[in-house]
Amino acid sequence: MPSDPVQIAATLDVVREDEWRRTRLREVTATLARSPHRARIRLRGSAAHIISLPTGPDETVIQVRHITEDHDVFASVFCPPATPRNRTALRLSLHCDLTGQDVNRIIHACEITRP
C-alpha cells in the first residue's frame, strides 16, 4: 500500500494535469446556466459547481427532494438553521463525469418541481 506522501503526490498530479476535468465542469455549469429553467437554479459565480434549487417553505423541501430522487437527481437538503425559515433549498454538486443525459435530467427535475 502506497504511503500518504505518494498518494498526495499522485492526487496533485491529477489536479495539475487533468485540465479536461475543469473544462468539462465549466461546460456542465454553462449548460445549466443557459437552460430555460435557469431562473429556478441558483448558480454561485461563473464557475459554480454547487447549485441551489430553492424549495420555499420548510415543509416542502422533503417533498421536492422525493420528486427529484424519483428522477434520479440526488441533492442535499438545506433547511433551518442552515437557511432562513421558509427559504429551504436542495443543493446539488456538479462534477466532470456528468453526461449530457445527466444534465438534461437535472434540468427536467428543476422544471417539474417548479411551484
PDB file of N, CA and C in Angstrom:
ATOM      1  N   MET A   1       0.852  -1.181   0.000  1.00  0.00           N
ATOM      2  CA  MET A   1       0.000   0.000   0.000  1.00  0.00           C
ATOM      3  C   MET A   1       0.890   1.234   0.000  1.00  0.00           C
ATOM      4  N   PRO A   2       0.630   2.183  -0.941  1.00  0.00           N
ATOM      5  CA  PRO A   2       1.471   3.374  -1.021  1.00  0.00           C
ATOM      6  C   PRO A   2       1.340   4.227   0.239  1.00  0.00           C
ATOM      7  N   SER A   3       2.396   4.933   0.516  1.00  0.00           N
ATOM      8  CA  SER A   3       2.375   5.824   1.676  1.00  0.00           C
ATOM      9  C   SER A   3       1.554   7.075   1.374  1.00  0.00           C
ATOM     10  N   ASP A   4       1.188   7.785   2.425  1.00  0.00           N
ATOM     11  CA  ASP A   4       0.397   9.004   2.249  1.00  0.00           C
ATOM     12  C   ASP A   4       1.067  10.023   1.329  1.00  0.00           C
ATOM     13  N   PRO A   5       2.376  10.304   1.477  1.00  0.00           N
ATOM     14  CA  PRO A   5       3.013  11.276   0.571  1.00  0.00           C
ATOM     15  C   PRO A   5       2.916  10.868  -0.904  1.00  0.00           C
ATOM     16  N   VAL A   6       3.011   9.566  -1.183  1.00  0.00           N
ATOM     17  CA  VAL A   6       2.899   9.090  -2.568  1.00  0.00           C
ATOM     18  C   VAL A   6       1.478   9.316  -3.080  1.00  0.00           C
ATOM     19  N   GLN A   7       0.483   9.025  -2.257  1.00  0.00           N
ATOM     20  CA  GLN A   7      -0.907   9.247  -2.651  1.00  0.00           C
ATOM     21  C   GLN A   7      -1.196  10.727  -2.863  1.00  0.00           C
ATOM     22  N   ILE A   8      -0.670  11.554  -1.993  1.00  0.00           N
ATOM     23  CA  ILE A   8      -0.866  13.004  -2.133  1.00  0.00           C
ATOM     24  C   ILE A   8      -0.203  13.492  -3.419  1.00  0.00           C
ATOM     25  N   ALA A   9       0.992  13.025  -3.703  1.00  0.00           N
ATOM     26  CA  ALA A   9       1.689  13.429  -4.931  1.00  0.00           C
ATOM     27  C   ALA A   9       0.897  13.013  -6.166  1.00  0.00           C
ATOM     28  N   ALA A  10       0.334  11.813  -6.147  1.00  0.00           N
ATOM     29  CA  ALA A  10      -0.469  11.342  -7.286  1.00  0.00           C
ATOM     30  C   ALA A  10      -1.717  12.205  -7.449  1.00  0.00           C
ATOM     31  N   THR A  11      -2.334  12.577  -6.360  1.00  0.00           N
ATOM     32  CA  THR A  11      -3.515  13.445  -6.414  1.00  0.00           C
ATOM     33  C   THR A  11      -3.151  14.802  -6.998  1.00  0.00           C
ATOM     34  N   LEU A  12      -2.049  15.364  -6.555  1.00  0.00           N
ATOM     35  CA  LEU A  12      -1.611  16.666  -7.078  1.00  0.00           C
ATOM     36  C   LEU A  12      -1.292  16.590  -8.569  1.00  0.00           C
ATOM     37  N   ASP A  13      -0.753  15.464  -9.028  1.00  0.00           N
ATOM     38  CA  ASP A  13      -0.504  15.285 -10.468  1.00  0.00           C
ATOM     39  C   ASP A  13      -1.816  15.362 -11.249  1.00  0.00           C
ATOM     40  N   VAL A  14      -2.855  14.719 -10.735  1.00  0.00           N
ATOM     41  CA  VAL A  14      -4.167  14.768 -11.398  1.00  0.00           C
ATOM     42  C   VAL A  14      -4.670  16.202 -11.433  1.00  0.00           C
ATOM     43  N   VAL A  15      -4.564  16.904 -10.329  1.00  0.00           N
ATOM     44  CA  VAL A  15      -5.036  18.296 -10.261  1.00  0.00           C
ATOM     45  C   VAL A  15      -4.286  19.157 -11.281  1.00  0.00           C
ATOM     46  N   ARG A  16      -2.978  18.963 -11.395  1.00  0.00           N
ATOM     47  CA  ARG A  16      -2.171  19.770 -12.321  1.00  0.00           C
ATOM     48  C   ARG A  16      -2.407  19.407 -13.789  1.00  0.00           C
ATOM     49  N   GLU A  17      -2.602  18.133 -14.069  1.00  0.00           N
ATOM     50  CA  GLU A  17      -2.562  17.665 -15.453  1.00  0.00           C
ATOM     51  C   GLU A  17      -3.914  17.415 -16.102  1.00  0.00           C
ATOM     52  N   ASP A  18      -4.953  17.237 -15.345  1.00  0.00           N
ATOM     53  CA  ASP A  18      -6.249  16.881 -15.927  1.00  0.00           C
ATOM     54  C   ASP A  18      -7.135  18.099 -16.154  1.00  0.00           C
ATOM     55  N   GLU A  19      -6.677  18.977 -17.021  1.00  0.00           N
ATOM     56  CA  GLU A  19      -7.439  20.195 -17.326  1.00  0.00           C
ATOM     57  C   GLU A  19      -8.810  19.856 -17.909  1.00  0.00           C
ATOM     58  N   TRP A  20      -8.929  18.712 -18.564  1.00  0.00           N
ATOM     59  CA  TRP A  20     -10.208  18.324 -19.166  1.00  0.00           C
ATOM     60  C   TRP A  20     -11.313  18.263 -18.124  1.00  0.00           C
ATOM     61  N   ARG A  21     -10.962  17.924 -16.881  1.00  0.00           N
ATOM     62  CA  ARG A  21     -11.980  17.851 -15.832  1.00  0.00           C
ATOM     63  C   ARG A  21     -12.564  19.240 -15.554  1.00  0.00           C
ATOM     64  N   ARG A  22     -11.694  20.239 -15.453  1.00  0.00           N
ATOM     65  CA  ARG A  22     -12.171  21.611 -15.224  1.00  0.00           C
ATOM     66  C   ARG A  22     -12.972  22.111 -16.426  1.00  0.00           C
ATOM     67  N   THR A  23     -12.492  21.790 -17.619  1.00  0.00           N
ATOM     68  CA  THR A  23     -13.186  22.206 -18.835  1.00  0.00           C
ATOM     69  C   THR A  23     -14.582  21.590 -18.886  1.00  0.00           C
ATOM     70  N   ARG A  24     -14.683  20.314 -18.607  1.00  0.00           N
ATOM     71  CA  ARG A  24     -15.992  19.638 -18.635  1.00  0.00           C
ATOM     72  C   ARG A  24     -16.924  20.203 -17.563  1.00  0.00           C
ATOM     73  N   LEU A  25     -16.408  20.487 -16.376  1.00  0.00           N
ATOM     74  CA  LEU A  25     -17.233  21.065 -15.327  1.00  0.00           C
ATOM     75  C   LEU A  25     -17.751  22.437 -15.750  1.00  0.00           C
ATOM     76  N   ARG A  26     -16.913  23.236 -16.399  1.00  0.00           N
ATOM     77  CA  ARG A  26     -17.376  24.537 -16.909  1.00  0.00           C
ATOM     78  C   ARG A  26     -18.461  24.352 -17.966  1.00  0.00           C
ATOM     79  N   GLU A  27     -18.341  23.336 -18.815  1.00  0.00           N
ATOM     80  CA  GLU A  27     -19.365  23.048 -19.827  1.00  0.00           C
ATOM     81  C   GLU A  27     -20.693  22.666 -19.169  1.00  0.00           C
ATOM     82  N   VAL A  28     -20.633  21.804 -18.169  1.00  0.00           N
ATOM     83  CA  VAL A  28     -21.847  21.385 -17.457  1.00  0.00           C
ATOM     84  C   VAL A  28     -22.524  22.596 -16.828  1.00  0.00           C
ATOM     85  N   THR A  29     -21.738  23.427 -16.149  1.00  0.00           N
ATOM     86  CA  THR A  29     -22.275  24.620 -15.492  1.00  0.00           C
ATOM     87  C   THR A  29     -22.881  25.574 -16.516  1.00  0.00           C
ATOM     88  N   ALA A  30     -22.201  25.769 -17.635  1.00  0.00           N
ATOM     89  CA  ALA A  30     -22.704  26.675 -18.674  1.00  0.00           C
ATOM     90  C   ALA A  30     -24.014  26.160 -19.257  1.00  0.00           C
ATOM     91  N   THR A  31     -24.125  24.858 -19.443  1.00  0.00           N
ATOM     92  CA  THR A  31     -25.368  24.277 -19.965  1.00  0.00           C
ATOM     93  C   THR A  31     -26.519  24.566 -19.016  1.00  0.00           C
ATOM     94  N   LEU A  32     -26.298  24.374 -17.725  1.00  0.00           N
ATOM     95  CA  LEU A  32     -27.342  24.672 -16.740  1.00  0.00           C
ATOM     96  C   LEU A  32     -27.666  26.163 -16.716  1.00  0.00           C
ATOM     97  N   ALA A  33     -26.650  26.993 -16.844  1.00  0.00           N
ATOM     98  CA  ALA A  33     -26.868  28.447 -16.823  1.00  0.00           C
ATOM     99  C   ALA A  33     -27.665  28.917 -18.033  1.00  0.00           C
ATOM    100  N   ARG A  34     -27.566  28.193 -19.149  1.00  0.00           N
ATOM    101  CA  ARG A  34     -28.307  28.564 -20.365  1.00  0.00           C
ATOM    102  C   ARG A  34     -29.665  27.883 -20.462  1.00  0.00           C
ATOM    103  N   SER A  35     -29.959  26.999 -19.554  1.00  0.00           N
ATOM    104  CA  SER A  35     -31.198  26.227 -19.658  1.00  0.00           C
ATOM    105  C   SER A  35     -32.418  27.132 -19.513  1.00  0.00           C
ATOM    106  N   PRO A  36     -33.547  26.712 -20.067  1.00  0.00           N
ATOM    107  CA  PRO A  36     -34.770  27.511 -19.948  1.00  0.00           C
ATOM    108  C   PRO A  36     -35.198  27.720 -18.500  1.00  0.00           C
ATOM    109  N   HIS A  37     -34.735  26.865 -17.607  1.00  0.00           N
ATOM    110  CA  HIS A  37     -35.146  26.945 -16.204  1.00  0.00           C
ATOM    111  C   HIS A  37     -34.049  27.524 -15.321  1.00  0.00           C
ATOM    112  N   ARG A  38     -33.154  28.305 -15.961  1.00  0.00           N
ATOM    113  CA  ARG A  38     -32.031  28.852 -15.204  1.00  0.00           C
ATOM    114  C   ARG A  38     -32.471  29.752 -14.059  1.00  0.00           C
ATOM    115  N   ALA A  39     -33.643  30.380 -14.175  1.00  0.00           N
ATOM    116  CA  ALA A  39     -34.131  31.227 -13.092  1.00  0.00           C
ATOM    117  C   ALA A  39     -34.437  30.401 -11.850  1.00  0.00           C
ATOM    118  N   ARG A  40     -34.728  29.139 -12.038  1.00  0.00           N
ATOM    119  CA  ARG A  40     -35.057  28.242 -10.926  1.00  0.00           C
ATOM    120  C   ARG A  40     -33.795  27.701 -10.252  1.00  0.00           C
ATOM    121  N   ILE A  41     -32.670  27.760 -10.954  1.00  0.00           N
ATOM    122  CA  ILE A  41     -31.408  27.222 -10.461  1.00  0.00           C
ATOM    123  C   ILE A  41     -30.524  28.388 -10.047  1.00  0.00           C
ATOM    124  N   ARG A  42     -30.001  28.330  -8.857  1.00  0.00           N
ATOM    125  CA  ARG A  42     -29.103  29.386  -8.391  1.00  0.00           C
ATOM    126  C   ARG A  42     -27.663  28.919  -8.525  1.00  0.00           C
ATOM    127  N   LEU A  43     -26.940  29.570  -9.427  1.00  0.00           N
ATOM    128  CA  LEU A  43     -25.523  29.270  -9.598  1.00  0.00           C
ATOM    129  C   LEU A  43     -24.729  30.315  -8.827  1.00  0.00           C
ATOM    130  N   ARG A  44     -23.761  29.883  -8.089  1.00  0.00           N
ATOM    131  CA  ARG A  44     -22.930  30.790  -7.302  1.00  0.00           C
ATOM    132  C   ARG A  44     -21.655  31.092  -8.081  1.00  0.00           C
ATOM    133  N   GLY A  45     -21.636  32.205  -8.821  1.00  0.00           N
ATOM    134  CA  GLY A  45     -20.452  32.571  -9.586  1.00  0.00           C
ATOM    135  C   GLY A  45     -20.406  31.870 -10.930  1.00  0.00           C
ATOM    136  N   SER A  46     -19.538  32.314 -11.791  1.00  0.00           N
ATOM    137  CA  SER A  46     -19.497  31.797 -13.151  1.00  0.00           C
ATOM    138  C   SER A  46     -18.921  30.388 -13.232  1.00  0.00           C
ATOM    139  N   ALA A  47     -18.139  29.973 -12.257  1.00  0.00           N
ATOM    140  CA  ALA A  47     -17.543  28.640 -12.291  1.00  0.00           C
ATOM    141  C   ALA A  47     -18.128  27.753 -11.195  1.00  0.00           C
ATOM    142  N   ALA A  48     -19.403  27.958 -10.897  1.00  0.00           N
ATOM    143  CA  ALA A  48     -20.043  27.233  -9.803  1.00  0.00           C
ATOM    144  C   ALA A  48     -20.095  25.740 -10.069  1.00  0.00           C
ATOM    145  N   HIS A  49     -19.845  24.976  -9.058  1.00  0.00           N
ATOM    146  CA  HIS A  49     -20.030  23.531  -9.172  1.00  0.00           C
ATOM    147  C   HIS A  49     -21.041  23.036  -8.145  1.00  0.00           C
ATOM    148  N   ILE A  50     -21.542  23.941  -7.340  1.00  0.00           N
ATOM    149  CA  ILE A  50     -22.621  23.620  -6.411  1.00  0.00           C
ATOM    150  C   ILE A  50     -23.789  24.521  -6.779  1.00  0.00           C
ATOM    151  N   ILE A  51     -24.937  23.916  -7.049  1.00  0.00           N
ATOM    152  CA  ILE A  51     -26.104  24.707  -7.405  1.00  0.00           C
ATOM    153  C   ILE A  51     -27.175  24.528  -6.342  1.00  0.00           C
ATOM    154  N   SER A  52     -28.005  25.527  -6.257  1.00  0.00           N
ATOM    155  CA  SER A  52     -29.068  25.539  -5.267  1.00  0.00           C
ATOM    156  C   SER A  52     -30.403  25.573  -5.981  1.00  0.00           C
ATOM    157  N   LEU A  53     -31.313  24.740  -5.518  1.00  0.00           N
ATOM    158  CA  LEU A  53     -32.665  24.706  -6.044  1.00  0.00           C
ATOM    159  C   LEU A  53     -33.590  25.143  -4.904  1.00  0.00           C
ATOM    160  N   PRO A  54     -34.013  26.422  -4.914  1.00  0.00           N
ATOM    161  CA  PRO A  54     -34.884  26.895  -3.835  1.00  0.00           C
ATOM    162  C   PRO A  54     -36.188  26.109  -3.810  1.00  0.00           C
ATOM    163  N   THR A  55     -36.628  25.746  -2.604  1.00  0.00           N
ATOM    164  CA  THR A  55     -37.843  24.957  -2.475  1.00  0.00           C
ATOM    165  C   THR A  55     -38.929  25.671  -1.679  1.00  0.00           C
ATOM    166  N   GLY A  56     -38.623  26.839  -1.132  1.00  0.00           N
ATOM    167  CA  GLY A  56     -39.646  27.627  -0.450  1.00  0.00           C
ATOM    168  C   GLY A  56     -39.880  27.243   0.989  1.00  0.00           C
ATOM    169  N   PRO A  57     -41.148  27.086   1.363  1.00  0.00           N
ATOM    170  CA  PRO A  57     -41.495  26.827   2.761  1.00  0.00           C
ATOM    171  C   PRO A  57     -40.821  25.569   3.305  1.00  0.00           C
ATOM    172  N   ASP A  58     -40.572  25.586   4.600  1.00  0.00           N
ATOM    173  CA  ASP A  58     -39.867  24.486   5.254  1.00  0.00           C
ATOM    174  C   ASP A  58     -40.487  23.121   4.970  1.00  0.00           C
ATOM    175  N   GLU A  59     -41.805  23.049   4.950  1.00  0.00           N
ATOM    176  CA  GLU A  59     -42.468  21.745   4.810  1.00  0.00           C
ATOM    177  C   GLU A  59     -42.397  21.176   3.388  1.00  0.00           C
ATOM    178  N   THR A  60     -41.956  21.951   2.412  1.00  0.00           N
ATOM    179  CA  THR A  60     -41.931  21.445   1.034  1.00  0.00           C
ATOM    180  C   THR A  60     -40.606  20.819   0.616  1.00  0.00           C
ATOM    181  N   VAL A  61     -39.543  21.068   1.331  1.00  0.00           N
ATOM    182  CA  VAL A  61     -38.228  20.629   0.873  1.00  0.00           C
ATOM    183  C   VAL A  61     -38.146  19.100   0.747  1.00  0.00           C
ATOM    184  N   ILE A  62     -38.731  18.368   1.655  1.00  0.00           N
ATOM    185  CA  ILE A  62     -38.679  16.908   1.578  1.00  0.00           C
ATOM    186  C   ILE A  62     -39.517  16.412   0.408  1.00  0.00           C
ATOM    187  N   GLN A  63     -40.662  17.028   0.166  1.00  0.00           N
ATOM    188  CA  GLN A  63     -41.488  16.645  -0.981  1.00  0.00           C
ATOM    189  C   GLN A  63     -40.726  16.860  -2.286  1.00  0.00           C
ATOM    190  N   VAL A  64     -40.066  18.005  -2.398  1.00  0.00           N
ATOM    191  CA  VAL A  64     -39.299  18.312  -3.612  1.00  0.00           C
ATOM    192  C   VAL A  64     -38.136  17.331  -3.749  1.00  0.00           C
ATOM    193  N   ARG A  65     -37.490  16.996  -2.636  1.00  0.00           N
ATOM    194  CA  ARG A  65     -36.389  16.033  -2.709  1.00  0.00           C
ATOM    195  C   ARG A  65     -36.891  14.679  -3.197  1.00  0.00           C
ATOM    196  N   HIS A  66     -38.053  14.260  -2.747  1.00  0.00           N
ATOM    197  CA  HIS A  66     -38.613  12.992  -3.224  1.00  0.00           C
ATOM    198  C   HIS A  66     -38.865  13.040  -4.732  1.00  0.00           C
ATOM    199  N   ILE A  67     -39.362  14.146  -5.222  1.00  0.00           N
ATOM    200  CA  ILE A  67     -39.613  14.290  -6.661  1.00  0.00           C
ATOM    201  C   ILE A  67     -38.303  14.199  -7.441  1.00  0.00           C
ATOM    202  N   THR A  68     -37.278  14.926  -6.990  1.00  0.00           N
ATOM    203  CA  THR A  68     -36.005  14.879  -7.717  1.00  0.00           C
ATOM    204  C   THR A  68     -35.386  13.487  -7.657  1.00  0.00           C
ATOM    205  N   GLU A  69     -35.485  12.831  -6.497  1.00  0.00           N
ATOM    206  CA  GLU A  69     -34.937  11.481  -6.384  1.00  0.00           C
ATOM    207  C   GLU A  69     -35.680  10.496  -7.274  1.00  0.00           C
ATOM    208  N   ASP A  70     -36.981  10.688  -7.449  1.00  0.00           N
ATOM    209  CA  ASP A  70     -37.750   9.837  -8.363  1.00  0.00           C
ATOM    210  C   ASP A  70     -37.241   9.958  -9.794  1.00  0.00           C
ATOM    211  N   HIS A  71     -36.533  11.056 -10.086  1.00  0.00           N
ATOM    212  CA  HIS A  71     -35.958  11.281 -11.414  1.00  0.00           C
ATOM    213  C   HIS A  71     -34.433  11.124 -11.396  1.00  0.00           C
ATOM    214  N   ASP A  72     -33.950  10.401 -10.392  1.00  0.00           N
ATOM    215  CA  ASP A  72     -32.512  10.101 -10.253  1.00  0.00           C
ATOM    216  C   ASP A  72     -31.634  11.341 -10.145  1.00  0.00           C
ATOM    217  N   VAL A  73     -32.152  12.362  -9.502  1.00  0.00           N
ATOM    218  CA  VAL A  73     -31.368  13.552  -9.194  1.00  0.00           C
ATOM    219  C   VAL A  73     -31.312  13.628  -7.671  1.00  0.00           C
ATOM    220  N   PHE A  74     -30.107  13.499  -7.142  1.00  0.00           N
ATOM    221  CA  PHE A  74     -29.933  13.423  -5.691  1.00  0.00           C
ATOM    222  C   PHE A  74     -29.298  14.711  -5.181  1.00  0.00           C
ATOM    223  N   ALA A  75     -29.870  15.236  -4.107  1.00  0.00           N
ATOM    224  CA  ALA A  75     -29.427  16.521  -3.579  1.00  0.00           C
ATOM    225  C   ALA A  75     -29.461  16.502  -2.060  1.00  0.00           C
ATOM    226  N   SER A  76     -28.751  17.445  -1.487  1.00  0.00           N
ATOM    227  CA  SER A  76     -28.743  17.605  -0.028  1.00  0.00           C
ATOM    228  C   SER A  76     -29.785  18.632   0.372  1.00  0.00           C
ATOM    229  N   VAL A  77     -30.452  18.361   1.469  1.00  0.00           N
ATOM    230  CA  VAL A  77     -31.468  19.271   1.995  1.00  0.00           C
ATOM    231  C   VAL A  77     -30.793  20.342   2.835  1.00  0.00           C
ATOM    232  N   PHE A  78     -31.151  21.588   2.579  1.00  0.00           N
ATOM    233  CA  PHE A  78     -30.713  22.709   3.412  1.00  0.00           C
ATOM    234  C   PHE A  78     -31.959  23.379   3.960  1.00  0.00           C
ATOM    235  N   CYS A  79     -32.061  23.373   5.278  1.00  0.00           N
ATOM    236  CA  CYS A  79     -33.225  23.937   5.954  1.00  0.00           C
ATOM    237  C   CYS A  79     -32.758  24.598   7.250  1.00  0.00           C
ATOM    238  N   PRO A  80     -33.660  25.297   7.955  1.00  0.00           N
ATOM    239  CA  PRO A  80     -33.256  25.944   9.206  1.00  0.00           C
ATOM    240  C   PRO A  80     -32.605  24.928  10.150  1.00  0.00           C
ATOM    241  N   PRO A  81     -31.562  25.294  10.819  1.00  0.00           N
ATOM    242  CA  PRO A  81     -30.988  26.626  10.974  1.00  0.00           C
ATOM    243  C   PRO A  81     -29.949  27.007   9.914  1.00  0.00           C
ATOM    244  N   ALA A  82     -29.686  26.129   8.929  1.00  0.00           N
ATOM    245  CA  ALA A  82     -28.712  26.455   7.878  1.00  0.00           C
ATOM    246  C   ALA A  82     -29.252  27.480   6.892  1.00  0.00           C
ATOM    247  N   THR A  83     -30.577  27.643   6.841  1.00  0.00           N
ATOM    248  CA  THR A  83     -31.209  28.645   5.975  1.00  0.00           C
ATOM    249  C   THR A  83     -32.200  29.442   6.813  1.00  0.00           C
ATOM    250  N   PRO A  84     -32.610  30.608   6.310  1.00  0.00           N
ATOM    251  CA  PRO A  84     -33.690  31.327   6.996  1.00  0.00           C
ATOM    252  C   PRO A  84     -34.982  30.504   6.918  1.00  0.00           C
ATOM    253  N   ARG A  85     -35.869  30.692   7.873  1.00  0.00           N
ATOM    254  CA  ARG A  85     -37.158  29.987   7.867  1.00  0.00           C
ATOM    255  C   ARG A  85     -37.869  30.224   6.539  1.00  0.00           C
ATOM    256  N   ASN A  86     -38.497  29.169   6.038  1.00  0.00           N
ATOM    257  CA  ASN A  86     -39.270  29.203   4.795  1.00  0.00           C
ATOM    258  C   ASN A  86     -38.448  29.559   3.559  1.00  0.00           C
ATOM    259  N   ARG A  87     -37.141  29.322   3.635  1.00  0.00           N
ATOM    260  CA  ARG A  87     -36.277  29.513   2.466  1.00  0.00           C
ATOM    261  C   ARG A  87     -35.372  28.290   2.324  1.00  0.00           C
ATOM    262  N   THR A  88     -36.000  27.123   2.353  1.00  0.00           N
ATOM    263  CA  THR A  88     -35.246  25.880   2.222  1.00  0.00           C
ATOM    264  C   THR A  88     -34.748  25.711   0.794  1.00  0.00           C
ATOM    265  N   ALA A  89     -33.812  24.797   0.634  1.00  0.00           N
ATOM    266  CA  ALA A  89     -33.250  24.570  -0.697  1.00  0.00           C
ATOM    267  C   ALA A  89     -32.658  23.172  -0.780  1.00  0.00           C
ATOM    268  N   LEU A  90     -32.539  22.694  -1.997  1.00  0.00           N
ATOM    269  CA  LEU A  90     -31.764  21.492  -2.281  1.00  0.00           C
ATOM    270  C   LEU A  90     -30.462  21.956  -2.908  1.00  0.00           C
ATOM    271  N   ARG A  91     -29.365  21.327  -2.530  1.00  0.00           N
ATOM    272  CA  ARG A  91     -28.070  21.670  -3.099  1.00  0.00           C
ATOM    273  C   ARG A  91     -27.551  20.463  -3.870  1.00  0.00           C
ATOM    274  N   LEU A  92     -27.107  20.715  -5.083  1.00  0.00           N
ATOM    275  CA  LEU A  92     -26.574  19.666  -5.950  1.00  0.00           C
ATOM    276  C   LEU A  92     -25.120  19.981  -6.259  1.00  0.00           C
ATOM    277  N   SER A  93     -24.296  18.967  -6.239  1.00  0.00           N
ATOM    278  CA  SER A  93     -22.881  19.138  -6.581  1.00  0.00           C
ATOM    279  C   SER A  93     -22.652  18.622  -7.994  1.00  0.00           C
ATOM    280  N   LEU A  94     -22.167  19.492  -8.841  1.00  0.00           N
ATOM    281  CA  LEU A  94     -21.854  19.116 -10.220  1.00  0.00           C
ATOM    282  C   LEU A  94     -20.440  18.549 -10.276  1.00  0.00           C
ATOM    283  N   HIS A  95     -20.184  17.740 -11.294  1.00  0.00           N
ATOM    284  CA  HIS A  95     -18.844  17.191 -11.474  1.00  0.00           C
ATOM    285  C   HIS A  95     -18.617  16.886 -12.951  1.00  0.00           C
ATOM    286  N   CYS A  96     -17.379  16.625 -13.282  1.00  0.00           N
ATOM    287  CA  CYS A  96     -16.978  16.471 -14.688  1.00  0.00           C
ATOM    288  C   CYS A  96     -17.495  15.196 -15.334  1.00  0.00           C
ATOM    289  N   ASP A  97     -17.922  14.245 -14.569  1.00  0.00           N
ATOM    290  CA  ASP A  97     -18.385  12.985 -15.148  1.00  0.00           C
ATOM    291  C   ASP A  97     -19.863  12.986 -15.505  1.00  0.00           C
ATOM    292  N   LEU A  98     -20.544  14.107 -15.312  1.00  0.00           N
ATOM    293  CA  LEU A  98     -21.956  14.182 -15.705  1.00  0.00           C
ATOM    294  C   LEU A  98     -22.061  14.157 -17.227  1.00  0.00           C
ATOM    295  N   THR A  99     -22.935  13.322 -17.732  1.00  0.00           N
ATOM    296  CA  THR A  99     -23.160  13.239 -19.172  1.00  0.00           C
ATOM    297  C   THR A  99     -24.205  14.269 -19.583  1.00  0.00           C
ATOM    298  N   GLY A 100     -24.391  14.427 -20.864  1.00  0.00           N
ATOM    299  CA  GLY A 100     -25.452  15.296 -21.356  1.00  0.00           C
ATOM    300  C   GLY A 100     -26.811  14.833 -20.862  1.00  0.00           C
ATOM    301  N   GLN A 101     -27.006  13.527 -20.806  1.00  0.00           N
ATOM    302  CA  GLN A 101     -28.258  12.963 -20.301  1.00  0.00           C
ATOM    303  C   GLN A 101     -28.443  13.308 -18.817  1.00  0.00           C
ATOM    304  N   ASP A 102     -27.363  13.245 -18.045  1.00  0.00           N
ATOM    305  CA  ASP A 102     -27.441  13.617 -16.630  1.00  0.00           C
ATOM    306  C   ASP A 102     -27.855  15.076 -16.469  1.00  0.00           C
ATOM    307  N   VAL A 103     -27.247  15.943 -17.256  1.00  0.00           N
ATOM    308  CA  VAL A 103     -27.556  17.374 -17.181  1.00  0.00           C
ATOM    309  C   VAL A 103     -29.017  17.607 -17.568  1.00  0.00           C
ATOM    310  N   ASN A 104     -29.479  16.944 -18.611  1.00  0.00           N
ATOM    311  CA  ASN A 104     -30.889  17.078 -19.006  1.00  0.00           C
ATOM    312  C   ASN A 104     -31.825  16.598 -17.904  1.00  0.00           C
ATOM    313  N   ARG A 105     -31.430  15.551 -17.202  1.00  0.00           N
ATOM    314  CA  ARG A 105     -32.249  15.045 -16.095  1.00  0.00           C
ATOM    315  C   ARG A 105     -32.323  16.078 -14.966  1.00  0.00           C
ATOM    316  N   ILE A 106     -31.220  16.771 -14.684  1.00  0.00           N
ATOM    317  CA  ILE A 106     -31.219  17.829 -13.665  1.00  0.00           C
ATOM    318  C   ILE A 106     -32.137  18.958 -14.099  1.00  0.00           C
ATOM    319  N   ILE A 107     -32.032  19.359 -15.350  1.00  0.00           N
ATOM    320  CA  ILE A 107     -32.898  20.441 -15.862  1.00  0.00           C
ATOM    321  C   ILE A 107     -34.353  20.033 -15.768  1.00  0.00           C
ATOM    322  N   HIS A 108     -34.673  18.801 -16.154  1.00  0.00           N
ATOM    323  CA  HIS A 108     -36.054  18.314 -16.077  1.00  0.00           C
ATOM    324  C   HIS A 108     -36.549  18.312 -14.640  1.00  0.00           C
ATOM    325  N   ALA A 109     -35.716  17.861 -13.700  1.00  0.00           N
ATOM    326  CA  ALA A 109     -36.116  17.842 -12.289  1.00  0.00           C
ATOM    327  C   ALA A 109     -36.418  19.260 -11.800  1.00  0.00           C
ATOM    328  N   CYS A 110     -35.626  20.224 -12.240  1.00  0.00           N
ATOM    329  CA  CYS A 110     -35.897  21.623 -11.860  1.00  0.00           C
ATOM    330  C   CYS A 110     -37.230  22.089 -12.440  1.00  0.00           C
ATOM    331  N   GLU A 111     -37.513  21.656 -13.655  1.00  0.00           N
ATOM    332  CA  GLU A 111     -38.768  22.037 -14.304  1.00  0.00           C
ATOM    333  C   GLU A 111     -39.981  21.475 -13.568  1.00  0.00           C
ATOM    334  N   ILE A 112     -39.939  20.208 -13.207  1.00  0.00           N
ATOM    335  CA  ILE A 112     -41.135  19.591 -12.610  1.00  0.00           C
ATOM    336  C   ILE A 112     -41.347  19.966 -11.155  1.00  0.00           C
ATOM    337  N   THR A 113     -40.328  20.526 -10.512  1.00  0.00           N
ATOM    338  CA  THR A 113     -40.510  20.957  -9.127  1.00  0.00           C
ATOM    339  C   THR A 113     -40.876  22.432  -9.020  1.00  0.00           C
ATOM    340  N   ARG A 114     -41.030  23.049 -10.141  1.00  0.00           N
ATOM    341  CA  ARG A 114     -41.380  24.480 -10.141  1.00  0.00           C
ATOM    342  C   ARG A 114     -42.730  24.689  -9.466  1.00  0.00           C
ATOM    343  N   PRO A 115     -42.780  25.650  -8.541  1.00  0.00           N
ATOM    344  CA  PRO A 115     -44.050  25.902  -7.833  1.00  0.00           C
ATOM    345  C   PRO A 115     -45.119  26.482  -8.739  1.00  0.00           C
TER     346      PRO A 115
END
